[in-house]
Amino acid sequence: MTKYNLPFRKGFNFPRKIRFKGLAGKVFWSGFVLLFASSLVIYLFQVNTIAAKGFHVRELEKQISQVKENNEKLKLQVVEMRSMTDLSERVENLQMVEVDKITYYDTAGQVVARK
């Protein structure tokens, strides 16, 4: 008989449990514990890294919002300054003359209309 037809013999039982005995069992369990511990350490490291990146992203989002606000303020200043330059150009095109002495008409003490 060959080793391939051994299971077909009468009275041959397949082993139901494979048991590790002696040094092989200790090596298996220590390897299993080592693998589990290293997986746990790697998992904790990844979770910590993701959390740190989340905080960094939040800080960057705050900076983006501040930069957007500053950008809007600068756009408003640009519009105001353009309007002033346009106004000064229009004044130059009208060829107006500066007034040296200004006199105001005082109407507080006089009556404007009588009945």
PDB file of N, CA and C in Angstrom:
ATOM      1  N   MET A   1       0.832  -1.187   0.000  1.00  0.00           N
ATOM      2  CA  MET A   1       0.000   0.000   0.000  1.00  0.00           C
ATOM      3  C   MET A   1       0.873   1.246   0.000  1.00  0.00           C
ATOM      4  N   THR A   2       0.345   2.241  -0.645  1.00  0.00           N
ATOM      5  CA  THR A   2       1.073   3.499  -0.691  1.00  0.00           C
ATOM      6  C   THR A   2       0.482   4.469   0.306  1.00  0.00           C
ATOM      7  N   LYS A   3       1.138   5.569   0.435  1.00  0.00           N
ATOM      8  CA  LYS A   3       0.648   6.565   1.385  1.00  0.00           C
ATOM      9  C   LYS A   3      -0.615   7.260   0.886  1.00  0.00           C
ATOM     10  N   TYR A   4      -0.904   7.149  -0.418  1.00  0.00           N
ATOM     11  CA  TYR A   4      -2.065   7.835  -0.969  1.00  0.00           C
ATOM     12  C   TYR A   4      -3.353   7.073  -0.727  1.00  0.00           C
ATOM     13  N   ASN A   5      -3.278   5.783  -0.540  1.00  0.00           N
ATOM     14  CA  ASN A   5      -4.508   5.043  -0.295  1.00  0.00           C
ATOM     15  C   ASN A   5      -4.677   4.677   1.181  1.00  0.00           C
ATOM     16  N   LEU A   6      -3.865   5.257   2.058  1.00  0.00           N
ATOM     17  CA  LEU A   6      -3.993   5.022   3.489  1.00  0.00           C
ATOM     18  C   LEU A   6      -5.358   5.443   4.037  1.00  0.00           C
ATOM     19  N   PRO A   7      -5.888   6.603   3.672  1.00  0.00           N
ATOM     20  CA  PRO A   7      -7.176   6.995   4.233  1.00  0.00           C
ATOM     21  C   PRO A   7      -8.322   6.091   3.811  1.00  0.00           C
ATOM     22  N   PHE A   8      -8.133   5.301   2.778  1.00  0.00           N
ATOM     23  CA  PHE A   8      -9.217   4.451   2.318  1.00  0.00           C
ATOM     24  C   PHE A   8      -9.217   3.070   2.997  1.00  0.00           C
ATOM     25  N   ARG A   9      -8.224   2.804   3.809  1.00  0.00           N
ATOM     26  CA  ARG A   9      -8.175   1.543   4.544  1.00  0.00           C
ATOM     27  C   ARG A   9      -9.227   1.531   5.626  1.00  0.00           C
ATOM     28  N   LYS A  10      -9.667   0.397   5.957  1.00  0.00           N
ATOM     29  CA  LYS A  10     -10.620   0.271   7.052  1.00  0.00           C
ATOM     30  C   LYS A  10      -9.900   0.516   8.362  1.00  0.00           C
ATOM     31  N   GLY A  11     -10.580   1.262   9.214  1.00  0.00           N
ATOM     32  CA  GLY A  11     -10.030   1.508  10.530  1.00  0.00           C
ATOM     33  C   GLY A  11      -9.150   2.739  10.613  1.00  0.00           C
ATOM     34  N   PHE A  12      -8.915   3.437   9.493  1.00  0.00           N
ATOM     35  CA  PHE A  12      -8.103   4.657   9.542  1.00  0.00           C
ATOM     36  C   PHE A  12      -9.014   5.820   9.894  1.00  0.00           C
ATOM     37  N   ASN A  13      -8.677   6.560  10.901  1.00  0.00           N
ATOM     38  CA  ASN A  13      -9.453   7.750  11.320  1.00  0.00           C
ATOM     39  C   ASN A  13      -8.621   8.998  11.053  1.00  0.00           C
ATOM     40  N   PHE A  14      -9.302   9.999  10.486  1.00  0.00           N
ATOM     41  CA  PHE A  14      -8.638  11.280  10.297  1.00  0.00           C
ATOM     42  C   PHE A  14      -8.472  11.942  11.664  1.00  0.00           C
ATOM     43  N   PRO A  15      -7.387  12.656  11.876  1.00  0.00           N
ATOM     44  CA  PRO A  15      -7.244  13.344  13.164  1.00  0.00           C
ATOM     45  C   PRO A  15      -8.245  14.493  13.242  1.00  0.00           C
ATOM     46  N   ARG A  16      -8.944  14.580  14.345  1.00  0.00           N
ATOM     47  CA  ARG A  16      -9.964  15.628  14.489  1.00  0.00           C
ATOM     48  C   ARG A  16      -9.347  16.949  14.922  1.00  0.00           C
ATOM     49  N   LYS A  17      -8.402  16.922  15.791  1.00  0.00           N
ATOM     50  CA  LYS A  17      -7.753  18.148  16.237  1.00  0.00           C
ATOM     51  C   LYS A  17      -6.255  18.012  16.038  1.00  0.00           C
ATOM     52  N   ILE A  18      -5.696  19.078  15.590  1.00  0.00           N
ATOM     53  CA  ILE A  18      -4.250  19.102  15.476  1.00  0.00           C
ATOM     54  C   ILE A  18      -3.753  19.830  16.714  1.00  0.00           C
ATOM     55  N   ARG A  19      -3.001  19.159  17.500  1.00  0.00           N
ATOM     56  CA  ARG A  19      -2.518  19.753  18.744  1.00  0.00           C
ATOM     57  C   ARG A  19      -1.027  20.010  18.611  1.00  0.00           C
ATOM     58  N   PHE A  20      -0.663  21.186  19.112  1.00  0.00           N
ATOM     59  CA  PHE A  20       0.748  21.527  19.134  1.00  0.00           C
ATOM     60  C   PHE A  20       1.286  21.143  20.505  1.00  0.00           C
ATOM     61  N   LYS A  21       2.273  20.335  20.516  1.00  0.00           N
ATOM     62  CA  LYS A  21       2.844  19.887  21.780  1.00  0.00           C
ATOM     63  C   LYS A  21       4.302  20.301  21.850  1.00  0.00           C
ATOM     64  N   GLY A  22       4.717  20.574  23.042  1.00  0.00           N
ATOM     65  CA  GLY A  22       6.127  20.840  23.290  1.00  0.00           C
ATOM     66  C   GLY A  22       6.597  22.159  22.729  1.00  0.00           C
ATOM     67  N   LEU A  23       7.768  22.172  22.146  1.00  0.00           N
ATOM     68  CA  LEU A  23       8.409  23.381  21.636  1.00  0.00           C
ATOM     69  C   LEU A  23       7.632  23.988  20.468  1.00  0.00           C
ATOM     70  N   ALA A  24       7.043  23.159  19.631  1.00  0.00           N
ATOM     71  CA  ALA A  24       6.289  23.670  18.480  1.00  0.00           C
ATOM     72  C   ALA A  24       5.096  24.485  18.950  1.00  0.00           C
ATOM     73  N   GLY A  25       4.427  24.043  19.981  1.00  0.00           N
ATOM     74  CA  GLY A  25       3.282  24.789  20.510  1.00  0.00           C
ATOM     75  C   GLY A  25       3.699  26.118  21.108  1.00  0.00           C
ATOM     76  N   LYS A  26       4.802  26.136  21.819  1.00  0.00           N
ATOM     77  CA  LYS A  26       5.288  27.386  22.417  1.00  0.00           C
ATOM     78  C   LYS A  26       5.699  28.377  21.338  1.00  0.00           C
ATOM     79  N   VAL A  27       6.357  27.899  20.324  1.00  0.00           N
ATOM     80  CA  VAL A  27       6.764  28.780  19.218  1.00  0.00           C
ATOM     81  C   VAL A  27       5.531  29.323  18.508  1.00  0.00           C
ATOM     82  N   PHE A  28       4.537  28.470  18.281  1.00  0.00           N
ATOM     83  CA  PHE A  28       3.317  28.910  17.606  1.00  0.00           C
ATOM     84  C   PHE A  28       2.614  29.986  18.422  1.00  0.00           C
ATOM     85  N   TRP A  29       2.398  29.771  19.711  1.00  0.00           N
ATOM     86  CA  TRP A  29       1.664  30.730  20.526  1.00  0.00           C
ATOM     87  C   TRP A  29       2.452  32.014  20.743  1.00  0.00           C
ATOM     88  N   SER A  30       3.756  31.897  20.919  1.00  0.00           N
ATOM     89  CA  SER A  30       4.553  33.121  21.073  1.00  0.00           C
ATOM     90  C   SER A  30       4.542  33.915  19.764  1.00  0.00           C
ATOM     91  N   GLY A  31       4.593  33.243  18.639  1.00  0.00           N
ATOM     92  CA  GLY A  31       4.484  33.940  17.348  1.00  0.00           C
ATOM     93  C   GLY A  31       3.128  34.577  17.174  1.00  0.00           C
ATOM     94  N   PHE A  32       2.084  33.879  17.602  1.00  0.00           N
ATOM     95  CA  PHE A  32       0.736  34.434  17.507  1.00  0.00           C
ATOM     96  C   PHE A  32       0.597  35.672  18.377  1.00  0.00           C
ATOM     97  N   VAL A  33       1.091  35.627  19.613  1.00  0.00           N
ATOM     98  CA  VAL A  33       1.020  36.780  20.524  1.00  0.00           C
ATOM     99  C   VAL A  33       1.851  37.932  19.968  1.00  0.00           C
ATOM    100  N   LEU A  34       3.019  37.626  19.433  1.00  0.00           N
ATOM    101  CA  LEU A  34       3.871  38.667  18.851  1.00  0.00           C
ATOM    102  C   LEU A  34       3.193  39.327  17.649  1.00  0.00           C
ATOM    103  N   LEU A  35       2.573  38.530  16.815  1.00  0.00           N
ATOM    104  CA  LEU A  35       1.853  39.060  15.655  1.00  0.00           C
ATOM    105  C   LEU A  35       0.683  39.926  16.087  1.00  0.00           C
ATOM    106  N   PHE A  36      -0.053  39.483  17.096  1.00  0.00           N
ATOM    107  CA  PHE A  36      -1.187  40.258  17.602  1.00  0.00           C
ATOM    108  C   PHE A  36      -0.719  41.577  18.216  1.00  0.00           C
ATOM    109  N   ALA A  37       0.349  41.533  19.019  1.00  0.00           N
ATOM    110  CA  ALA A  37       0.864  42.749  19.654  1.00  0.00           C
ATOM    111  C   ALA A  37       1.382  43.735  18.612  1.00  0.00           C
ATOM    112  N   SER A  38       2.103  43.240  17.614  1.00  0.00           N
ATOM    113  CA  SER A  38       2.613  44.147  16.583  1.00  0.00           C
ATOM    114  C   SER A  38       1.469  44.733  15.761  1.00  0.00           C
ATOM    115  N   SER A  39       0.439  43.955  15.498  1.00  0.00           N
ATOM    116  CA  SER A  39      -0.734  44.488  14.779  1.00  0.00           C
ATOM    117  C   SER A  39      -1.400  45.577  15.595  1.00  0.00           C
ATOM    118  N   LEU A  40      -1.489  45.377  16.896  1.00  0.00           N
ATOM    119  CA  LEU A  40      -2.097  46.378  17.770  1.00  0.00           C
ATOM    120  C   LEU A  40      -1.280  47.667  17.787  1.00  0.00           C
ATOM    121  N   VAL A  41       0.030  47.536  17.865  1.00  0.00           N
ATOM    122  CA  VAL A  41       0.901  48.717  17.866  1.00  0.00           C
ATOM    123  C   VAL A  41       0.787  49.470  16.541  1.00  0.00           C
ATOM    124  N   ILE A  42       0.778  48.756  15.443  1.00  0.00           N
ATOM    125  CA  ILE A  42       0.649  49.399  14.123  1.00  0.00           C
ATOM    126  C   ILE A  42      -0.707  50.099  14.009  1.00  0.00           C
ATOM    127  N   TYR A  43      -1.752  49.471  14.502  1.00  0.00           N
ATOM    128  CA  TYR A  43      -3.089  50.076  14.456  1.00  0.00           C
ATOM    129  C   TYR A  43      -3.121  51.369  15.266  1.00  0.00           C
ATOM    130  N   LEU A  44      -2.572  51.339  16.487  1.00  0.00           N
ATOM    131  CA  LEU A  44      -2.556  52.547  17.324  1.00  0.00           C
ATOM    132  C   LEU A  44      -1.728  53.653  16.681  1.00  0.00           C
ATOM    133  N   PHE A  45      -0.620  53.289  16.056  1.00  0.00           N
ATOM    134  CA  PHE A  45       0.204  54.283  15.370  1.00  0.00           C
ATOM    135  C   PHE A  45      -0.567  54.935  14.223  1.00  0.00           C
ATOM    136  N   GLN A  46      -1.283  54.131  13.447  1.00  0.00           N
ATOM    137  CA  GLN A  46      -2.049  54.681  12.330  1.00  0.00           C
ATOM    138  C   GLN A  46      -3.181  55.571  12.809  1.00  0.00           C
ATOM    139  N   VAL A  47      -3.862  55.182  13.879  1.00  0.00           N
ATOM    140  CA  VAL A  47      -4.949  56.004  14.410  1.00  0.00           C
ATOM    141  C   VAL A  47      -4.396  57.331  14.911  1.00  0.00           C
ATOM    142  N   ASN A  48      -3.262  57.294  15.585  1.00  0.00           N
ATOM    143  CA  ASN A  48      -2.643  58.516  16.086  1.00  0.00           C
ATOM    144  C   ASN A  48      -2.224  59.419  14.929  1.00  0.00           C
ATOM    145  N   THR A  49      -1.670  58.843  13.885  1.00  0.00           N
ATOM    146  CA  THR A  49      -1.249  59.625  12.722  1.00  0.00           C
ATOM    147  C   THR A  49      -2.450  60.281  12.035  1.00  0.00           C
ATOM    148  N   ILE A  50      -3.526  59.542  11.903  1.00  0.00           N
ATOM    149  CA  ILE A  50      -4.726  60.091  11.271  1.00  0.00           C
ATOM    150  C   ILE A  50      -5.298  61.225  12.107  1.00  0.00           C
ATOM    151  N   ALA A  51      -5.308  61.070  13.428  1.00  0.00           N
ATOM    152  CA  ALA A  51      -5.818  62.128  14.295  1.00  0.00           C
ATOM    153  C   ALA A  51      -4.961  63.384  14.190  1.00  0.00           C
ATOM    154  N   ALA A  52      -3.654  63.219  14.155  1.00  0.00           N
ATOM    155  CA  ALA A  52      -2.759  64.373  14.028  1.00  0.00           C
ATOM    156  C   ALA A  52      -2.973  65.081  12.694  1.00  0.00           C
ATOM    157  N   LYS A  53      -3.162  64.306  11.632  1.00  0.00           N
ATOM    158  CA  LYS A  53      -3.417  64.918  10.325  1.00  0.00           C
ATOM    159  C   LYS A  53      -4.755  65.639  10.318  1.00  0.00           C
ATOM    160  N   GLY A  54      -5.726  65.118  11.055  1.00  0.00           N
ATOM    161  CA  GLY A  54      -7.022  65.797  11.158  1.00  0.00           C
ATOM    162  C   GLY A  54      -6.885  67.166  11.805  1.00  0.00           C
ATOM    163  N   PHE A  55      -6.087  67.248  12.882  1.00  0.00           N
ATOM    164  CA  PHE A  55      -5.861  68.541  13.522  1.00  0.00           C
ATOM    165  C   PHE A  55      -5.127  69.488  12.586  1.00  0.00           C
ATOM    166  N   HIS A  56      -4.185  68.972  11.848  1.00  0.00           N
ATOM    167  CA  HIS A  56      -3.440  69.814  10.907  1.00  0.00           C
ATOM    168  C   HIS A  56      -4.360  70.336   9.797  1.00  0.00           C
ATOM    169  N   VAL A  57      -5.247  69.487   9.318  1.00  0.00           N
ATOM    170  CA  VAL A  57      -6.202  69.903   8.284  1.00  0.00           C
ATOM    171  C   VAL A  57      -7.118  70.996   8.826  1.00  0.00           C
ATOM    172  N   ARG A  58      -7.565  70.850  10.080  1.00  0.00           N
ATOM    173  CA  ARG A  58      -8.431  71.866  10.675  1.00  0.00           C
ATOM    174  C   ARG A  58      -7.718  73.212  10.771  1.00  0.00           C
ATOM    175  N   GLU A  59      -6.440  73.200  11.162  1.00  0.00           N
ATOM    176  CA  GLU A  59      -5.669  74.439  11.219  1.00  0.00           C
ATOM    177  C   GLU A  59      -5.533  75.056   9.832  1.00  0.00           C
ATOM    178  N   LEU A  60      -5.295  74.232   8.833  1.00  0.00           N
ATOM    179  CA  LEU A  60      -5.174  74.751   7.465  1.00  0.00           C
ATOM    180  C   LEU A  60      -6.494  75.334   6.976  1.00  0.00           C
ATOM    181  N   GLU A  61      -7.622  74.726   7.357  1.00  0.00           N
ATOM    182  CA  GLU A  61      -8.919  75.263   6.966  1.00  0.00           C
ATOM    183  C   GLU A  61      -9.149  76.626   7.614  1.00  0.00           C
ATOM    184  N   LYS A  62      -8.729  76.787   8.873  1.00  0.00           N
ATOM    185  CA  LYS A  62      -8.848  78.094   9.529  1.00  0.00           C
ATOM    186  C   LYS A  62      -8.002  79.131   8.808  1.00  0.00           C
ATOM    187  N   GLN A  63      -6.794  78.753   8.427  1.00  0.00           N
ATOM    188  CA  GLN A  63      -5.931  79.683   7.693  1.00  0.00           C
ATOM    189  C   GLN A  63      -6.542  80.048   6.350  1.00  0.00           C
ATOM    190  N   ILE A  64      -7.162  79.088   5.687  1.00  0.00           N
ATOM    191  CA  ILE A  64      -7.802  79.357   4.392  1.00  0.00           C
ATOM    192  C   ILE A  64      -8.933  80.357   4.568  1.00  0.00           C
ATOM    193  N   SER A  65      -9.735  80.189   5.617  1.00  0.00           N
ATOM    194  CA  SER A  65     -10.843  81.120   5.833  1.00  0.00           C
ATOM    195  C   SER A  65     -10.317  82.521   6.144  1.00  0.00           C
ATOM    196  N   GLN A  66      -9.230  82.629   6.917  1.00  0.00           N
ATOM    197  CA  GLN A  66      -8.647  83.941   7.204  1.00  0.00           C
ATOM    198  C   GLN A  66      -8.102  84.587   5.936  1.00  0.00           C
ATOM    199  N   VAL A  67      -7.467  83.797   5.099  1.00  0.00           N
ATOM    200  CA  VAL A  67      -6.923  84.343   3.849  1.00  0.00           C
ATOM    201  C   VAL A  67      -8.053  84.805   2.933  1.00  0.00           C
ATOM    202  N   LYS A  68      -9.166  84.057   2.923  1.00  0.00           N
ATOM    203  CA  LYS A  68     -10.308  84.473   2.103  1.00  0.00           C
ATOM    204  C   LYS A  68     -10.890  85.795   2.599  1.00  0.00           C
ATOM    205  N   GLU A  69     -10.987  85.956   3.923  1.00  0.00           N
ATOM    206  CA  GLU A  69     -11.489  87.215   4.469  1.00  0.00           C
ATOM    207  C   GLU A  69     -10.565  88.367   4.105  1.00  0.00           C
ATOM    208  N   ASN A  70      -9.256  88.154   4.251  1.00  0.00           N
ATOM    209  CA  ASN A  70      -8.299  89.199   3.876  1.00  0.00           C
ATOM    210  C   ASN A  70      -8.381  89.508   2.386  1.00  0.00           C
ATOM    211  N   ASN A  71      -8.607  88.502   1.576  1.00  0.00           N
ATOM    212  CA  ASN A  71      -8.737  88.706   0.141  1.00  0.00           C
ATOM    213  C   ASN A  71      -9.950  89.581  -0.173  1.00  0.00           C
ATOM    214  N   GLU A  72     -11.065  89.317   0.509  1.00  0.00           N
ATOM    215  CA  GLU A  72     -12.267  90.137   0.287  1.00  0.00           C
ATOM    216  C   GLU A  72     -12.018  91.590   0.704  1.00  0.00           C
ATOM    217  N   LYS A  73     -11.345  91.781   1.839  1.00  0.00           N
ATOM    218  CA  LYS A  73     -11.036  93.146   2.290  1.00  0.00           C
ATOM    219  C   LYS A  73     -10.153  93.863   1.274  1.00  0.00           C
ATOM    220  N   LEU A  74      -9.161  93.149   0.762  1.00  0.00           N
ATOM    221  CA  LEU A  74      -8.270  93.759  -0.229  1.00  0.00           C
ATOM    222  C   LEU A  74      -9.002  94.073  -1.535  1.00  0.00           C
ATOM    223  N   LYS A  75      -9.938  93.229  -1.915  1.00  0.00           N
ATOM    224  CA  LYS A  75     -10.732  93.518  -3.118  1.00  0.00           C
ATOM    225  C   LYS A  75     -11.541  94.789  -2.930  1.00  0.00           C
ATOM    226  N   LEU A  76     -12.120  94.966  -1.734  1.00  0.00           N
ATOM    227  CA  LEU A  76     -12.879  96.193  -1.466  1.00  0.00           C
ATOM    228  C   LEU A  76     -11.968  97.414  -1.508  1.00  0.00           C
ATOM    229  N   GLN A  77     -10.765  97.294  -0.964  1.00  0.00           N
ATOM    230  CA  GLN A  77      -9.828  98.415  -1.013  1.00  0.00           C
ATOM    231  C   GLN A  77      -9.438  98.743  -2.446  1.00  0.00           C
ATOM    232  N   VAL A  78      -9.268  97.727  -3.260  1.00  0.00           N
ATOM    233  CA  VAL A  78      -8.923  97.951  -4.670  1.00  0.00           C
ATOM    234  C   VAL A  78     -10.047  98.695  -5.368  1.00  0.00           C
ATOM    235  N   VAL A  79     -11.284  98.300  -5.102  1.00  0.00           N
ATOM    236  CA  VAL A  79     -12.428  98.972  -5.719  1.00  0.00           C
ATOM    237  C   VAL A  79     -12.495 100.425  -5.274  1.00  0.00           C
ATOM    238  N   GLU A  80     -12.275 100.677  -3.981  1.00  0.00           N
ATOM    239  CA  GLU A  80     -12.299 102.059  -3.476  1.00  0.00           C
ATOM    240  C   GLU A  80     -11.186 102.898  -4.102  1.00  0.00           C
ATOM    241  N   MET A  81     -10.004 102.335  -4.198  1.00  0.00           N
ATOM    242  CA  MET A  81      -8.888 103.093  -4.769  1.00  0.00           C
ATOM    243  C   MET A  81      -9.088 103.328  -6.259  1.00  0.00           C
ATOM    244  N   ARG A  82      -9.669 102.373  -6.960  1.00  0.00           N
ATOM    245  CA  ARG A  82      -9.943 102.582  -8.383  1.00  0.00           C
ATOM    246  C   ARG A  82     -10.965 103.686  -8.573  1.00  0.00           C
ATOM    247  N   SER A  83     -11.951 103.733  -7.686  1.00  0.00           N
ATOM    248  CA  SER A  83     -12.956 104.789  -7.822  1.00  0.00           C
ATOM    249  C   SER A  83     -12.329 106.163  -7.566  1.00  0.00           C
ATOM    250  N   MET A  84     -11.383 106.239  -6.623  1.00  0.00           N
ATOM    251  CA  MET A  84     -10.712 107.520  -6.373  1.00  0.00           C
ATOM    252  C   MET A  84      -9.838 107.919  -7.553  1.00  0.00           C
ATOM    253  N   THR A  85      -9.144 106.965  -8.155  1.00  0.00           N
ATOM    254  CA  THR A  85      -8.315 107.315  -9.312  1.00  0.00           C
ATOM    255  C   THR A  85      -9.199 107.706 -10.497  1.00  0.00           C
ATOM    256  N   ASP A  86     -10.320 107.030 -10.657  1.00  0.00           N
ATOM    257  CA  ASP A  86     -11.244 107.413 -11.725  1.00  0.00           C
ATOM    258  C   ASP A  86     -11.781 108.821 -11.490  1.00  0.00           C
ATOM    259  N   LEU A  87     -12.097 109.132 -10.253  1.00  0.00           N
ATOM    260  CA  LEU A  87     -12.611 110.460  -9.924  1.00  0.00           C
ATOM    261  C   LEU A  87     -11.557 111.533 -10.186  1.00  0.00           C
ATOM    262  N   SER A  88     -10.323 111.266  -9.786  1.00  0.00           N
ATOM    263  CA  SER A  88      -9.266 112.265 -10.022  1.00  0.00           C
ATOM    264  C   SER A  88      -9.006 112.427 -11.528  1.00  0.00           C
ATOM    265  N   GLU A  89      -9.098 111.361 -12.298  1.00  0.00           N
ATOM    266  CA  GLU A  89      -8.932 111.469 -13.753  1.00  0.00           C
ATOM    267  C   GLU A  89     -10.062 112.279 -14.370  1.00  0.00           C
ATOM    268  N   ARG A  90     -11.272 112.083 -13.900  1.00  0.00           N
ATOM    269  CA  ARG A  90     -12.406 112.853 -14.423  1.00  0.00           C
ATOM    270  C   ARG A  90     -12.266 114.332 -14.099  1.00  0.00           C
ATOM    271  N   VAL A  91     -11.772 114.625 -12.890  1.00  0.00           N
ATOM    272  CA  VAL A  91     -11.560 116.031 -12.513  1.00  0.00           C
ATOM    273  C   VAL A  91     -10.511 116.651 -13.424  1.00  0.00           C
ATOM    274  N   GLU A  92      -9.465 115.939 -13.729  1.00  0.00           N
ATOM    275  CA  GLU A  92      -8.427 116.467 -14.627  1.00  0.00           C
ATOM    276  C   GLU A  92      -8.987 116.685 -16.029  1.00  0.00           C
ATOM    277  N   ASN A  93      -9.868 115.805 -16.483  1.00  0.00           N
ATOM    278  CA  ASN A  93     -10.451 115.954 -17.819  1.00  0.00           C
ATOM    279  C   ASN A  93     -11.406 117.139 -17.889  1.00  0.00           C
ATOM    280  N   LEU A  94     -12.049 117.491 -16.779  1.00  0.00           N
ATOM    281  CA  LEU A  94     -12.959 118.632 -16.771  1.00  0.00           C
ATOM    282  C   LEU A  94     -12.226 119.966 -16.698  1.00  0.00           C
ATOM    283  N   GLN A  95     -10.943 119.954 -16.408  1.00  0.00           N
ATOM    284  CA  GLN A  95     -10.090 121.139 -16.318  1.00  0.00           C
ATOM    285  C   GLN A  95     -10.642 122.148 -15.314  1.00  0.00           C
ATOM    286  N   MET A  96     -10.950 121.673 -14.152  1.00  0.00           N
ATOM    287  CA  MET A  96     -11.440 122.555 -13.088  1.00  0.00           C
ATOM    288  C   MET A  96     -10.267 123.248 -12.410  1.00  0.00           C
ATOM    289  N   VAL A  97     -10.580 124.371 -11.771  1.00  0.00           N
ATOM    290  CA  VAL A  97      -9.556 125.172 -11.107  1.00  0.00           C
ATOM    291  C   VAL A  97      -9.800 125.093  -9.603  1.00  0.00           C
ATOM    292  N   GLU A  98      -8.716 125.076  -8.814  1.00  0.00           N
ATOM    293  CA  GLU A  98      -8.868 125.035  -7.367  1.00  0.00           C
ATOM    294  C   GLU A  98      -9.319 126.385  -6.848  1.00  0.00           C
ATOM    295  N   VAL A  99     -10.127 126.331  -5.798  1.00  0.00           N
ATOM    296  CA  VAL A  99     -10.634 127.558  -5.182  1.00  0.00           C
ATOM    297  C   VAL A  99      -9.677 127.942  -4.063  1.00  0.00           C
ATOM    298  N   ASP A 100      -9.292 129.270  -4.079  1.00  0.00           N
ATOM    299  CA  ASP A 100      -8.359 129.734  -3.056  1.00  0.00           C
ATOM    300  C   ASP A 100      -9.086 130.163  -1.787  1.00  0.00           C
ATOM    301  N   LYS A 101     -10.147 130.983  -1.945  1.00  0.00           N
ATOM    302  CA  LYS A 101     -10.854 131.512  -0.791  1.00  0.00           C
ATOM    303  C   LYS A 101     -12.321 131.120  -0.898  1.00  0.00           C
ATOM    304  N   ILE A 102     -12.837 130.538   0.183  1.00  0.00           N
ATOM    305  CA  ILE A 102     -14.233 130.098   0.190  1.00  0.00           C
ATOM    306  C   ILE A 102     -14.989 130.994   1.151  1.00  0.00           C
ATOM    307  N   THR A 103     -16.130 131.522   0.691  1.00  0.00           N
ATOM    308  CA  THR A 103     -17.009 132.307   1.572  1.00  0.00           C
ATOM    309  C   THR A 103     -18.370 131.634   1.587  1.00  0.00           C
ATOM    310  N   TYR A 104     -18.923 131.574   2.779  1.00  0.00           N
ATOM    311  CA  TYR A 104     -20.221 130.933   2.951  1.00  0.00           C
ATOM    312  C   TYR A 104     -21.270 131.991   3.195  1.00  0.00           C
ATOM    313  N   TYR A 105     -22.462 131.784   2.697  1.00  0.00           N
ATOM    314  CA  TYR A 105     -23.587 132.688   2.881  1.00  0.00           C
ATOM    315  C   TYR A 105     -24.327 132.261   4.135  1.00  0.00           C
ATOM    316  N   ASP A 106     -24.510 133.205   5.100  1.00  0.00           N
ATOM    317  CA  ASP A 106     -25.143 132.900   6.377  1.00  0.00           C
ATOM    318  C   ASP A 106     -26.599 133.327   6.307  1.00  0.00           C
ATOM    319  N   THR A 107     -27.525 132.402   6.427  1.00  0.00           N
ATOM    320  CA  THR A 107     -28.955 132.707   6.352  1.00  0.00           C
ATOM    321  C   THR A 107     -29.655 132.485   7.683  1.00  0.00           C
ATOM    322  N   ALA A 108     -28.932 132.300   8.729  1.00  0.00           N
ATOM    323  CA  ALA A 108     -29.552 131.992  10.020  1.00  0.00           C
ATOM    324  C   ALA A 108     -30.281 133.205  10.610  1.00  0.00           C
ATOM    325  N   GLY A 109     -29.815 134.411  10.386  1.00  0.00           N
ATOM    326  CA  GLY A 109     -30.416 135.589  11.014  1.00  0.00           C
ATOM    327  C   GLY A 109     -31.412 136.329  10.126  1.00  0.00           C
ATOM    328  N   GLN A 110     -31.589 135.943   8.927  1.00  0.00           N
ATOM    329  CA  GLN A 110     -32.438 136.685   8.016  1.00  0.00           C
ATOM    330  C   GLN A 110     -33.711 135.904   7.726  1.00  0.00           C
ATOM    331  N   VAL A 111     -34.755 136.691   7.371  1.00  0.00           N
ATOM    332  CA  VAL A 111     -36.013 136.074   7.004  1.00  0.00           C
ATOM    333  C   VAL A 111     -36.018 135.897   5.492  1.00  0.00           C
ATOM    334  N   VAL A 112     -36.439 134.769   5.070  1.00  0.00           N
ATOM    335  CA  VAL A 112     -36.396 134.484   3.647  1.00  0.00           C
ATOM    336  C   VAL A 112     -37.702 134.937   2.982  1.00  0.00           C
ATOM    337  N   ALA A 113     -38.824 134.700   3.640  1.00  0.00           N
ATOM    338  CA  ALA A 113     -40.119 135.065   3.025  1.00  0.00           C
ATOM    339  C   ALA A 113     -40.961 135.794   4.035  1.00  0.00           C
ATOM    340  N   ARG A 114     -41.711 136.889   3.555  1.00  0.00           N
ATOM    341  CA  ARG A 114     -42.618 137.643   4.411  1.00  0.00           C
ATOM    342  C   ARG A 114     -44.023 137.524   3.894  1.00  0.00           C
ATOM    343  N   LYS A 115     -44.930 137.673   4.788  1.00  0.00           N
ATOM    344  CA  LYS A 115     -46.324 137.596   4.417  1.00  0.00           C
ATOM    345  C   LYS A 115     -47.009 138.906   4.387  1.00  0.00           C
TER     346      LYS A 115
END
